[in-house]
PDB file of N, CA and C in Angstrom:
ATOM      1  N   MET A   1      -4.787 -11.861  -3.409  1.00  0.00           N
ATOM      2  CA  MET A   1      -4.058 -11.930  -2.168  1.00  0.00           C
ATOM      3  C   MET A   1      -4.036 -10.536  -1.550  1.00  0.00           C
ATOM      4  N   ASP A   2      -4.392 -10.461  -0.293  1.00  0.00           N
ATOM      5  CA  ASP A   2      -4.338  -9.195   0.426  1.00  0.00           C
ATOM      6  C   ASP A   2      -3.064  -9.125   1.249  1.00  0.00           C
ATOM      7  N   LEU A   3      -2.487  -7.928   1.302  1.00  0.00           N
ATOM      8  CA  LEU A   3      -1.258  -7.699   2.056  1.00  0.00           C
ATOM      9  C   LEU A   3      -1.377  -6.360   2.757  1.00  0.00           C
ATOM     10  N   VAL A   4      -1.042  -6.334   4.043  1.00  0.00           N
ATOM     11  CA  VAL A   4      -1.072  -5.090   4.807  1.00  0.00           C
ATOM     12  C   VAL A   4       0.312  -4.464   4.757  1.00  0.00           C
ATOM     13  N   ILE A   5       0.366  -3.230   4.279  1.00  0.00           N
ATOM     14  CA  ILE A   5       1.598  -2.452   4.189  1.00  0.00           C
ATOM     15  C   ILE A   5       1.323  -1.118   4.859  1.00  0.00           C
ATOM     16  N   SER A   6       2.109  -0.788   5.863  1.00  0.00           N
ATOM     17  CA  SER A   6       1.926   0.479   6.591  1.00  0.00           C
ATOM     18  C   SER A   6       0.480   0.658   7.047  1.00  0.00           C
ATOM     19  N   ASP A   7      -0.083  -0.385   7.629  1.00  0.00           N
ATOM     20  CA  ASP A   7      -1.437  -0.374   8.184  1.00  0.00           C
ATOM     21  C   ASP A   7      -2.547  -0.180   7.157  1.00  0.00           C
ATOM     22  N   GLU A   8      -2.241  -0.366   5.876  1.00  0.00           N
ATOM     23  CA  GLU A   8      -3.259  -0.284   4.837  1.00  0.00           C
ATOM     24  C   GLU A   8      -3.257  -1.593   4.055  1.00  0.00           C
ATOM     25  N   THR A   9      -4.440  -2.019   3.597  1.00  0.00           N
ATOM     26  CA  THR A   9      -4.567  -3.280   2.883  1.00  0.00           C
ATOM     27  C   THR A   9      -4.548  -3.057   1.378  1.00  0.00           C
ATOM     28  N   TYR A  10      -3.695  -3.827   0.711  1.00  0.00           N
ATOM     29  CA  TYR A  10      -3.568  -3.794  -0.740  1.00  0.00           C
ATOM     30  C   TYR A  10      -3.918  -5.182  -1.271  1.00  0.00           C
ATOM     31  N   THR A  11      -4.583  -5.217  -2.410  1.00  0.00           N
ATOM     32  CA  THR A  11      -5.000  -6.481  -3.012  1.00  0.00           C
ATOM     33  C   THR A  11      -4.208  -6.723  -4.290  1.00  0.00           C
ATOM     34  N   PHE A  12      -3.540  -7.869  -4.334  1.00  0.00           N
ATOM     35  CA  PHE A  12      -2.732  -8.268  -5.483  1.00  0.00           C
ATOM     36  C   PHE A  12      -3.484  -9.374  -6.218  1.00  0.00           C
ATOM     37  N   ALA A  13      -3.524  -9.278  -7.549  1.00  0.00           N
ATOM     38  CA  ALA A  13      -4.281 -10.257  -8.336  1.00  0.00           C
ATOM     39  C   ALA A  13      -3.602 -10.499  -9.683  1.00  0.00           C
ATOM     40  N   HIS A  14      -3.944 -11.631 -10.277  1.00  0.00           N
ATOM     41  CA  HIS A  14      -3.483 -11.964 -11.620  1.00  0.00           C
ATOM     42  C   HIS A  14      -4.667 -11.821 -12.559  1.00  0.00           C
ATOM     43  N   ASP A  15      -4.554 -10.935 -13.517  1.00  0.00           N
ATOM     44  CA  ASP A  15      -5.581 -10.739 -14.538  1.00  0.00           C
ATOM     45  C   ASP A  15      -5.062 -11.384 -15.821  1.00  0.00           C
ATOM     46  N   ALA A  16      -5.265 -12.702 -15.942  1.00  0.00           N
ATOM     47  CA  ALA A  16      -4.731 -13.460 -17.078  1.00  0.00           C
ATOM     48  C   ALA A  16      -5.307 -12.974 -18.405  1.00  0.00           C
ATOM     49  N   ALA A  17      -6.546 -12.529 -18.423  1.00  0.00           N
ATOM     50  CA  ALA A  17      -7.169 -12.057 -19.663  1.00  0.00           C
ATOM     51  C   ALA A  17      -6.456 -10.812 -20.204  1.00  0.00           C
ATOM     52  N   ALA A  18      -5.886 -10.011 -19.316  1.00  0.00           N
ATOM     53  CA  ALA A  18      -5.185  -8.791 -19.723  1.00  0.00           C
ATOM     54  C   ALA A  18      -3.667  -8.971 -19.737  1.00  0.00           C
ATOM     55  N   ASP A  19      -3.186 -10.180 -19.421  1.00  0.00           N
ATOM     56  CA  ASP A  19      -1.736 -10.446 -19.344  1.00  0.00           C
ATOM     57  C   ASP A  19      -1.046  -9.463 -18.402  1.00  0.00           C
ATOM     58  N   ARG A  20      -1.573  -9.396 -17.168  1.00  0.00           N
ATOM     59  CA  ARG A  20      -0.961  -8.494 -16.190  1.00  0.00           C
ATOM     60  C   ARG A  20      -1.290  -8.935 -14.773  1.00  0.00           C
ATOM     61  N   PHE A  21      -0.450  -8.499 -13.869  1.00  0.00           N
ATOM     62  CA  PHE A  21      -0.681  -8.632 -12.445  1.00  0.00           C
ATOM     63  C   PHE A  21      -1.029  -7.238 -11.951  1.00  0.00           C
ATOM     64  N   THR A  22      -1.963  -7.152 -11.013  1.00  0.00           N
ATOM     65  CA  THR A  22      -2.441  -5.845 -10.565  1.00  0.00           C
ATOM     66  C   THR A  22      -2.362  -5.700  -9.056  1.00  0.00           C
ATOM     67  N   VAL A  23      -2.371  -4.453  -8.631  1.00  0.00           N
ATOM     68  CA  VAL A  23      -2.505  -4.139  -7.214  1.00  0.00           C
ATOM     69  C   VAL A  23      -3.547  -3.036  -7.104  1.00  0.00           C
ATOM     70  N   SER A  24      -4.414  -3.180  -6.106  1.00  0.00           N
ATOM     71  CA  SER A  24      -5.443  -2.175  -5.872  1.00  0.00           C
ATOM     72  C   SER A  24      -5.502  -1.836  -4.386  1.00  0.00           C
ATOM     73  N   HIS A  25      -6.060  -0.676  -4.117  1.00  0.00           N
ATOM     74  CA  HIS A  25      -6.240  -0.191  -2.749  1.00  0.00           C
ATOM     75  C   HIS A  25      -7.648   0.357  -2.641  1.00  0.00           C
ATOM     76  N   ASP A  26      -8.405  -0.145  -1.688  1.00  0.00           N
ATOM     77  CA  ASP A  26      -9.811   0.251  -1.521  1.00  0.00           C
ATOM     78  C   ASP A  26     -10.597   0.078  -2.823  1.00  0.00           C
ATOM     79  N   GLY A  27     -10.304  -0.987  -3.571  1.00  0.00           N
ATOM     80  CA  GLY A  27     -11.015  -1.281  -4.807  1.00  0.00           C
ATOM     81  C   GLY A  27     -10.558  -0.487  -6.013  1.00  0.00           C
ATOM     82  N   LYS A  28      -9.600   0.404  -5.824  1.00  0.00           N
ATOM     83  CA  LYS A  28      -9.110   1.255  -6.915  1.00  0.00           C
ATOM     84  C   LYS A  28      -7.784   0.708  -7.436  1.00  0.00           C
ATOM     85  N   PRO A  29      -7.677   0.436  -8.754  1.00  0.00           N
ATOM     86  CA  PRO A  29      -6.399  -0.031  -9.305  1.00  0.00           C
ATOM     87  C   PRO A  29      -5.326   1.046  -9.134  1.00  0.00           C
ATOM     88  N   ILE A  30      -4.156   0.632  -8.621  1.00  0.00           N
ATOM     89  CA  ILE A  30      -3.075   1.611  -8.427  1.00  0.00           C
ATOM     90  C   ILE A  30      -1.765   1.181  -9.091  1.00  0.00           C
ATOM     91  N   GLY A  31      -1.736  -0.025  -9.649  1.00  0.00           N
ATOM     92  CA  GLY A  31      -0.511  -0.449 -10.306  1.00  0.00           C
ATOM     93  C   GLY A  31      -0.662  -1.765 -11.031  1.00  0.00           C
ATOM     94  N   HIS A  32       0.350  -2.061 -11.883  1.00  0.00           N
ATOM     95  CA  HIS A  32       0.314  -3.307 -12.632  1.00  0.00           C
ATOM     96  C   HIS A  32       1.711  -3.687 -13.129  1.00  0.00           C
ATOM     97  N   VAL A  33       1.853  -4.967 -13.445  1.00  0.00           N
ATOM     98  CA  VAL A  33       3.022  -5.515 -14.124  1.00  0.00           C
ATOM     99  C   VAL A  33       2.490  -6.239 -15.348  1.00  0.00           C
ATOM    100  N   ASP A  34       2.906  -5.802 -16.532  1.00  0.00           N
ATOM    101  CA  ASP A  34       2.465  -6.430 -17.772  1.00  0.00           C
ATOM    102  C   ASP A  34       3.451  -7.510 -18.193  1.00  0.00           C
ATOM    103  N   TYR A  35       2.957  -8.500 -18.949  1.00  0.00           N
ATOM    104  CA  TYR A  35       3.820  -9.570 -19.428  1.00  0.00           C
ATOM    105  C   TYR A  35       3.332 -10.115 -20.759  1.00  0.00           C
ATOM    106  N   ILE A  36       4.226 -10.874 -21.407  1.00  0.00           N
ATOM    107  CA  ILE A  36       3.915 -11.602 -22.638  1.00  0.00           C
ATOM    108  C   ILE A  36       4.383 -13.032 -22.424  1.00  0.00           C
ATOM    109  N   ASP A  37       3.534 -14.011 -22.724  1.00  0.00           N
ATOM    110  CA  ASP A  37       3.916 -15.420 -22.660  1.00  0.00           C
ATOM    111  C   ASP A  37       4.233 -15.910 -24.066  1.00  0.00           C
ATOM    112  N   ARG A  38       5.263 -16.752 -24.175  1.00  0.00           N
ATOM    113  CA  ARG A  38       5.600 -17.344 -25.463  1.00  0.00           C
ATOM    114  C   ARG A  38       6.255 -18.699 -25.244  1.00  0.00           C
ATOM    115  N   VAL A  39       6.306 -19.477 -26.296  1.00  0.00           N
ATOM    116  CA  VAL A  39       6.953 -20.787 -26.255  1.00  0.00           C
ATOM    117  C   VAL A  39       8.454 -20.560 -26.128  1.00  0.00           C
ATOM    118  N   ALA A  40       9.134 -21.413 -25.378  1.00  0.00           N
ATOM    119  CA  ALA A  40      10.577 -21.291 -25.207  1.00  0.00           C
ATOM    120  C   ALA A  40      11.280 -21.427 -26.554  1.00  0.00           C
ATOM    121  N   SER A  41      12.324 -20.636 -26.729  1.00  0.00           N
ATOM    122  CA  SER A  41      13.121 -20.706 -27.953  1.00  0.00           C
ATOM    123  C   SER A  41      14.440 -21.427 -27.648  1.00  0.00           C
ATOM    124  N   PRO A  42      15.211 -21.774 -28.674  1.00  0.00           N
ATOM    125  CA  PRO A  42      16.458 -22.515 -28.450  1.00  0.00           C
ATOM    126  C   PRO A  42      17.462 -21.803 -27.536  1.00  0.00           C
ATOM    127  N   ASP A  43      17.391 -20.477 -27.441  1.00  0.00           N
ATOM    128  CA  ASP A  43      18.336 -19.761 -26.582  1.00  0.00           C
ATOM    129  C   ASP A  43      17.878 -19.654 -25.123  1.00  0.00           C
ATOM    130  N   ASP A  44      16.713 -20.205 -24.802  1.00  0.00           N
ATOM    131  CA  ASP A  44      16.221 -20.194 -23.422  1.00  0.00           C
ATOM    132  C   ASP A  44      16.779 -21.389 -22.656  1.00  0.00           C
ATOM    133  N   THR A  45      16.876 -21.238 -21.339  1.00  0.00           N
ATOM    134  CA  THR A  45      17.367 -22.329 -20.495  1.00  0.00           C
ATOM    135  C   THR A  45      16.253 -23.272 -20.079  1.00  0.00           C
ATOM    136  N   SER A  46      15.058 -23.010 -20.512  1.00  0.00           N
ATOM    137  CA  SER A  46      13.899 -23.818 -20.124  1.00  0.00           C
ATOM    138  C   SER A  46      13.185 -24.355 -21.349  1.00  0.00           C
ATOM    139  N   GLU A  47      12.518 -25.469 -21.154  1.00  0.00           N
ATOM    140  CA  GLU A  47      11.705 -26.009 -22.238  1.00  0.00           C
ATOM    141  C   GLU A  47      10.237 -25.623 -22.080  1.00  0.00           C
ATOM    142  N   SER A  48       9.878 -25.034 -20.934  1.00  0.00           N
ATOM    143  CA  SER A  48       8.499 -24.612 -20.708  1.00  0.00           C
ATOM    144  C   SER A  48       8.286 -23.223 -21.303  1.00  0.00           C
ATOM    145  N   ALA A  49       7.056 -22.770 -21.252  1.00  0.00           N
ATOM    146  CA  ALA A  49       6.746 -21.422 -21.735  1.00  0.00           C
ATOM    147  C   ALA A  49       7.547 -20.395 -20.943  1.00  0.00           C
ATOM    148  N   VAL A  50       7.843 -19.296 -21.599  1.00  0.00           N
ATOM    149  CA  VAL A  50       8.613 -18.225 -20.973  1.00  0.00           C
ATOM    150  C   VAL A  50       7.719 -16.998 -20.845  1.00  0.00           C
ATOM    151  N   ARG A  51       7.698 -16.421 -19.664  1.00  0.00           N
ATOM    152  CA  ARG A  51       6.935 -15.198 -19.409  1.00  0.00           C
ATOM    153  C   ARG A  51       7.925 -14.037 -19.391  1.00  0.00           C
ATOM    154  N   THR A  52       7.698 -13.052 -20.248  1.00  0.00           N
ATOM    155  CA  THR A  52       8.553 -11.866 -20.294  1.00  0.00           C
ATOM    156  C   THR A  52       7.800 -10.698 -19.682  1.00  0.00           C
ATOM    157  N   PHE A  53       8.348 -10.155 -18.607  1.00  0.00           N
ATOM    158  CA  PHE A  53       7.748  -8.989 -17.951  1.00  0.00           C
ATOM    159  C   PHE A  53       8.202  -7.743 -18.699  1.00  0.00           C
ATOM    160  N   THR A  54       7.235  -6.923 -19.130  1.00  0.00           N
ATOM    161  CA  THR A  54       7.538  -5.813 -20.019  1.00  0.00           C
ATOM    162  C   THR A  54       7.410  -4.429 -19.391  1.00  0.00           C
ATOM    163  N   HIS A  55       6.612  -4.316 -18.345  1.00  0.00           N
ATOM    164  CA  HIS A  55       6.374  -2.973 -17.790  1.00  0.00           C
ATOM    165  C   HIS A  55       5.827  -3.084 -16.366  1.00  0.00           C
ATOM    166  N   THR A  56       6.338  -2.230 -15.499  1.00  0.00           N
ATOM    167  CA  THR A  56       5.836  -2.139 -14.121  1.00  0.00           C
ATOM    168  C   THR A  56       5.482  -0.686 -13.848  1.00  0.00           C
ATOM    169  N   GLU A  57       4.323  -0.491 -13.237  1.00  0.00           N
ATOM    170  CA  GLU A  57       3.889   0.866 -12.935  1.00  0.00           C
ATOM    171  C   GLU A  57       3.044   0.875 -11.659  1.00  0.00           C
ATOM    172  N   VAL A  58       3.339   1.818 -10.766  1.00  0.00           N
ATOM    173  CA  VAL A  58       2.526   2.064  -9.580  1.00  0.00           C
ATOM    174  C   VAL A  58       2.284   3.566  -9.517  1.00  0.00           C
ATOM    175  N   SER A  59       1.073   3.953  -9.214  1.00  0.00           N
ATOM    176  CA  SER A  59       0.722   5.371  -9.129  1.00  0.00           C
ATOM    177  C   SER A  59       1.689   6.111  -8.215  1.00  0.00           C
ATOM    178  N   PRO A  60       2.197   7.270  -8.656  1.00  0.00           N
ATOM    179  CA  PRO A  60       3.119   8.045  -7.824  1.00  0.00           C
ATOM    180  C   PRO A  60       2.548   8.389  -6.448  1.00  0.00           C
ATOM    181  N   ALA A  61       1.231   8.464  -6.337  1.00  0.00           N
ATOM    182  CA  ALA A  61       0.606   8.769  -5.049  1.00  0.00           C
ATOM    183  C   ALA A  61       0.878   7.681  -4.017  1.00  0.00           C
ATOM    184  N   TYR A  62       1.281   6.477  -4.478  1.00  0.00           N
ATOM    185  CA  TYR A  62       1.550   5.358  -3.583  1.00  0.00           C
ATOM    186  C   TYR A  62       3.034   5.003  -3.545  1.00  0.00           C
ATOM    187  N   GLY A  63       3.859   5.883  -4.058  1.00  0.00           N
ATOM    188  CA  GLY A  63       5.300   5.643  -4.114  1.00  0.00           C
ATOM    189  C   GLY A  63       5.954   5.627  -2.741  1.00  0.00           C
ATOM    190  N   GLY A  64       7.117   5.000  -2.683  1.00  0.00           N
ATOM    191  CA  GLY A  64       7.903   4.979  -1.455  1.00  0.00           C
ATOM    192  C   GLY A  64       7.430   3.999  -0.398  1.00  0.00           C
ATOM    193  N   ARG A  65       6.491   3.133  -0.719  1.00  0.00           N
ATOM    194  CA  ARG A  65       5.956   2.175   0.252  1.00  0.00           C
ATOM    195  C   ARG A  65       6.368   0.740  -0.045  1.00  0.00           C
ATOM    196  N   GLY A  66       7.128   0.543  -1.129  1.00  0.00           N
ATOM    197  CA  GLY A  66       7.547  -0.802  -1.495  1.00  0.00           C
ATOM    198  C   GLY A  66       6.478  -1.597  -2.223  1.00  0.00           C
ATOM    199  N   ILE A  67       5.438  -0.928  -2.671  1.00  0.00           N
ATOM    200  CA  ILE A  67       4.327  -1.627  -3.317  1.00  0.00           C
ATOM    201  C   ILE A  67       4.781  -2.268  -4.631  1.00  0.00           C
ATOM    202  N   ALA A  68       5.587  -1.579  -5.410  1.00  0.00           N
ATOM    203  CA  ALA A  68       6.056  -2.145  -6.680  1.00  0.00           C
ATOM    204  C   ALA A  68       6.861  -3.411  -6.431  1.00  0.00           C
ATOM    205  N   ALA A  69       7.704  -3.408  -5.412  1.00  0.00           N
ATOM    206  CA  ALA A  69       8.490  -4.612  -5.097  1.00  0.00           C
ATOM    207  C   ALA A  69       7.587  -5.769  -4.689  1.00  0.00           C
ATOM    208  N   HIS A  70       6.571  -5.498  -3.889  1.00  0.00           N
ATOM    209  CA  HIS A  70       5.617  -6.557  -3.511  1.00  0.00           C
ATOM    210  C   HIS A  70       4.867  -7.072  -4.732  1.00  0.00           C
ATOM    211  N   LEU A  71       4.500  -6.175  -5.629  1.00  0.00           N
ATOM    212  CA  LEU A  71       3.784  -6.561  -6.837  1.00  0.00           C
ATOM    213  C   LEU A  71       4.655  -7.450  -7.730  1.00  0.00           C
ATOM    214  N   VAL A  72       5.905  -7.064  -7.924  1.00  0.00           N
ATOM    215  CA  VAL A  72       6.805  -7.866  -8.754  1.00  0.00           C
ATOM    216  C   VAL A  72       7.052  -9.221  -8.102  1.00  0.00           C
ATOM    217  N   ARG A  73       7.259  -9.248  -6.797  1.00  0.00           N
ATOM    218  CA  ARG A  73       7.461 -10.529  -6.105  1.00  0.00           C
ATOM    219  C   ARG A  73       6.228 -11.426  -6.287  1.00  0.00           C
ATOM    220  N   PHE A  74       5.043 -10.870  -6.143  1.00  0.00           N
ATOM    221  CA  PHE A  74       3.811 -11.636  -6.346  1.00  0.00           C
ATOM    222  C   PHE A  74       3.758 -12.189  -7.766  1.00  0.00           C
ATOM    223  N   ALA A  75       4.081 -11.365  -8.760  1.00  0.00           N
ATOM    224  CA  ALA A  75       4.058 -11.794 -10.156  1.00  0.00           C
ATOM    225  C   ALA A  75       5.060 -12.924 -10.409  1.00  0.00           C
ATOM    226  N   LEU A  76       6.265 -12.788  -9.873  1.00  0.00           N
ATOM    227  CA  LEU A  76       7.293 -13.812 -10.074  1.00  0.00           C
ATOM    228  C   LEU A  76       6.927 -15.114  -9.370  1.00  0.00           C
ATOM    229  N   GLU A  77       6.480 -15.022  -8.129  1.00  0.00           N
ATOM    230  CA  GLU A  77       6.118 -16.233  -7.386  1.00  0.00           C
ATOM    231  C   GLU A  77       4.927 -16.941  -8.028  1.00  0.00           C
ATOM    232  N   THR A  78       3.934 -16.186  -8.474  1.00  0.00           N
ATOM    233  CA  THR A  78       2.771 -16.777  -9.130  1.00  0.00           C
ATOM    234  C   THR A  78       3.181 -17.455 -10.436  1.00  0.00           C
ATOM    235  N   SER A  79       4.061 -16.826 -11.188  1.00  0.00           N
ATOM    236  CA  SER A  79       4.537 -17.392 -12.455  1.00  0.00           C
ATOM    237  C   SER A  79       5.353 -18.654 -12.211  1.00  0.00           C
ATOM    238  N   ALA A  80       6.202 -18.630 -11.200  1.00  0.00           N
ATOM    239  CA  ALA A  80       7.017 -19.816 -10.873  1.00  0.00           C
ATOM    240  C   ALA A  80       6.125 -20.975 -10.437  1.00  0.00           C
ATOM    241  N   GLU A  81       5.093 -20.686  -9.636  1.00  0.00           N
ATOM    242  CA  GLU A  81       4.160 -21.730  -9.199  1.00  0.00           C
ATOM    243  C   GLU A  81       3.430 -22.358 -10.383  1.00  0.00           C
ATOM    244  N   ALA A  82       3.271 -21.589 -11.468  1.00  0.00           N
ATOM    245  CA  ALA A  82       2.615 -22.100 -12.670  1.00  0.00           C
ATOM    246  C   ALA A  82       3.592 -22.867 -13.558  1.00  0.00           C
ATOM    247  N   GLY A  83       4.837 -22.997 -13.110  1.00  0.00           N
ATOM    248  CA  GLY A  83       5.832 -23.748 -13.863  1.00  0.00           C
ATOM    249  C   GLY A  83       6.498 -22.967 -14.977  1.00  0.00           C
ATOM    250  N   LEU A  84       6.351 -21.655 -14.968  1.00  0.00           N
ATOM    251  CA  LEU A  84       6.945 -20.819 -16.009  1.00  0.00           C
ATOM    252  C   LEU A  84       8.324 -20.317 -15.592  1.00  0.00           C
ATOM    253  N   THR A  85       9.175 -20.117 -16.567  1.00  0.00           N
ATOM    254  CA  THR A  85      10.413 -19.384 -16.332  1.00  0.00           C
ATOM    255  C   THR A  85      10.176 -17.981 -16.864  1.00  0.00           C
ATOM    256  N   PHE A  86      11.063 -17.064 -16.551  1.00  0.00           N
ATOM    257  CA  PHE A  86      10.795 -15.698 -16.975  1.00  0.00           C
ATOM    258  C   PHE A  86      12.059 -14.941 -17.315  1.00  0.00           C
ATOM    259  N   ARG A  87      11.824 -13.883 -18.058  1.00  0.00           N
ATOM    260  CA  ARG A  87      12.835 -12.890 -18.368  1.00  0.00           C
ATOM    261  C   ARG A  87      12.138 -11.541 -18.352  1.00  0.00           C
ATOM    262  N   THR A  88      12.902 -10.481 -18.600  1.00  0.00           N
ATOM    263  CA  THR A  88      12.289  -9.162 -18.527  1.00  0.00           C
ATOM    264  C   THR A  88      12.921  -8.181 -19.493  1.00  0.00           C
ATOM    265  N   THR A  89      12.119  -7.228 -19.921  1.00  0.00           N
ATOM    266  CA  THR A  89      12.610  -6.060 -20.647  1.00  0.00           C
ATOM    267  C   THR A  89      12.324  -4.805 -19.812  1.00  0.00           C
ATOM    268  N   CYS A  90      11.779  -5.005 -18.633  1.00  0.00           N
ATOM    269  CA  CYS A  90      11.394  -3.916 -17.725  1.00  0.00           C
ATOM    270  C   CYS A  90      12.560  -3.589 -16.797  1.00  0.00           C
ATOM    271  N   SER A  91      12.971  -2.341 -16.765  1.00  0.00           N
ATOM    272  CA  SER A  91      14.116  -1.947 -15.931  1.00  0.00           C
ATOM    273  C   SER A  91      13.846  -2.169 -14.444  1.00  0.00           C
ATOM    274  N   TYR A  92      12.600  -1.983 -14.009  1.00  0.00           N
ATOM    275  CA  TYR A  92      12.296  -2.199 -12.589  1.00  0.00           C
ATOM    276  C   TYR A  92      12.471  -3.672 -12.228  1.00  0.00           C
ATOM    277  N   VAL A  93      11.969  -4.573 -13.068  1.00  0.00           N
ATOM    278  CA  VAL A  93      12.102  -6.002 -12.795  1.00  0.00           C
ATOM    279  C   VAL A  93      13.572  -6.418 -12.875  1.00  0.00           C
ATOM    280  N   MET A  94      14.344  -5.843 -13.798  1.00  0.00           N
ATOM    281  CA  MET A  94      15.783  -6.134 -13.872  1.00  0.00           C
ATOM    282  C   MET A  94      16.462  -5.783 -12.558  1.00  0.00           C
ATOM    283  N   ASP A  95      16.150  -4.619 -12.029  1.00  0.00           N
ATOM    284  CA  ASP A  95      16.724  -4.190 -10.756  1.00  0.00           C
ATOM    285  C   ASP A  95      16.272  -5.111  -9.624  1.00  0.00           C
ATOM    286  N   PHE A  96      15.010  -5.537  -9.666  1.00  0.00           N
ATOM    287  CA  PHE A  96      14.497  -6.461  -8.657  1.00  0.00           C
ATOM    288  C   PHE A  96      15.287  -7.762  -8.692  1.00  0.00           C
ATOM    289  N   PHE A  97      15.577  -8.288  -9.895  1.00  0.00           N
ATOM    290  CA  PHE A  97      16.374  -9.513 -10.031  1.00  0.00           C
ATOM    291  C   PHE A  97      17.754  -9.340  -9.386  1.00  0.00           C
ATOM    292  N   ARG A  98      18.386  -8.197  -9.612  1.00  0.00           N
ATOM    293  CA  ARG A  98      19.718  -7.954  -9.030  1.00  0.00           C
ATOM    294  C   ARG A  98      19.683  -7.988  -7.504  1.00  0.00           C
ATOM    295  N   LYS A  99      18.612  -7.492  -6.932  1.00  0.00           N
ATOM    296  CA  LYS A  99      18.490  -7.425  -5.470  1.00  0.00           C
ATOM    297  C   LYS A  99      17.943  -8.708  -4.848  1.00  0.00           C
ATOM    298  N   ASN A 100      17.393  -9.603  -5.669  1.00  0.00           N
ATOM    299  CA  ASN A 100      16.740 -10.818  -5.165  1.00  0.00           C
ATOM    300  C   ASN A 100      17.219 -12.036  -5.944  1.00  0.00           C
ATOM    301  N   PRO A 101      18.429 -12.506  -5.654  1.00  0.00           N
ATOM    302  CA  PRO A 101      18.998 -13.622  -6.430  1.00  0.00           C
ATOM    303  C   PRO A 101      18.250 -14.949  -6.237  1.00  0.00           C
ATOM    304  N   GLU A 102      17.313 -15.026  -5.317  1.00  0.00           N
ATOM    305  CA  GLU A 102      16.565 -16.277  -5.141  1.00  0.00           C
ATOM    306  C   GLU A 102      15.730 -16.627  -6.362  1.00  0.00           C
ATOM    307  N   PHE A 103      15.555 -15.677  -7.267  1.00  0.00           N
ATOM    308  CA  PHE A 103      14.790 -15.933  -8.498  1.00  0.00           C
ATOM    309  C   PHE A 103      15.681 -16.327  -9.681  1.00  0.00           C
ATOM    310  N   ASP A 104      16.993 -16.343  -9.493  1.00  0.00           N
ATOM    311  CA  ASP A 104      17.923 -16.636 -10.595  1.00  0.00           C
ATOM    312  C   ASP A 104      17.644 -17.975 -11.278  1.00  0.00           C
ATOM    313  N   GLU A 105      17.345 -18.997 -10.514  1.00  0.00           N
ATOM    314  CA  GLU A 105      17.151 -20.322 -11.103  1.00  0.00           C
ATOM    315  C   GLU A 105      15.882 -20.427 -11.956  1.00  0.00           C
ATOM    316  N   MET A 106      14.995 -19.458 -11.838  1.00  0.00           N
ATOM    317  CA  MET A 106      13.752 -19.488 -12.606  1.00  0.00           C
ATOM    318  C   MET A 106      13.808 -18.600 -13.838  1.00  0.00           C
ATOM    319  N   ARG A 107      14.961 -17.966 -14.060  1.00  0.00           N
ATOM    320  CA  ARG A 107      15.087 -17.090 -15.226  1.00  0.00           C
ATOM    321  C   ARG A 107      15.414 -17.906 -16.467  1.00  0.00           C
ATOM    322  N   ALA A 108      14.797 -17.522 -17.581  1.00  0.00           N
ATOM    323  CA  ALA A 108      15.015 -18.230 -18.854  1.00  0.00           C
ATOM    324  C   ALA A 108      16.303 -17.764 -19.498  1.00  0.00           C
TER     325      ALA A 108
END
């Protein structure tokens, strides 16, 4: 998926083989969100697989443009469309959840 931010085009993708979502600019990788998928456990609110987001990173050269927030939103929306619920150990994603309660119902 391509998205124009501040007149520049960024490409967001799901790299399932690497268990990560990525963002690139002009063909150069500039950030990612890593995850782990596992079967739901008894303490989860879902019976489907649970995706745990573990790390978010965007190159400091691209900081301050909201790219990390767009990347996390893309990762969450793509995961929800796949029928997954999610949780996180990543502080950035935790903060994103606090600011975006529309994802609360999809949390495990």
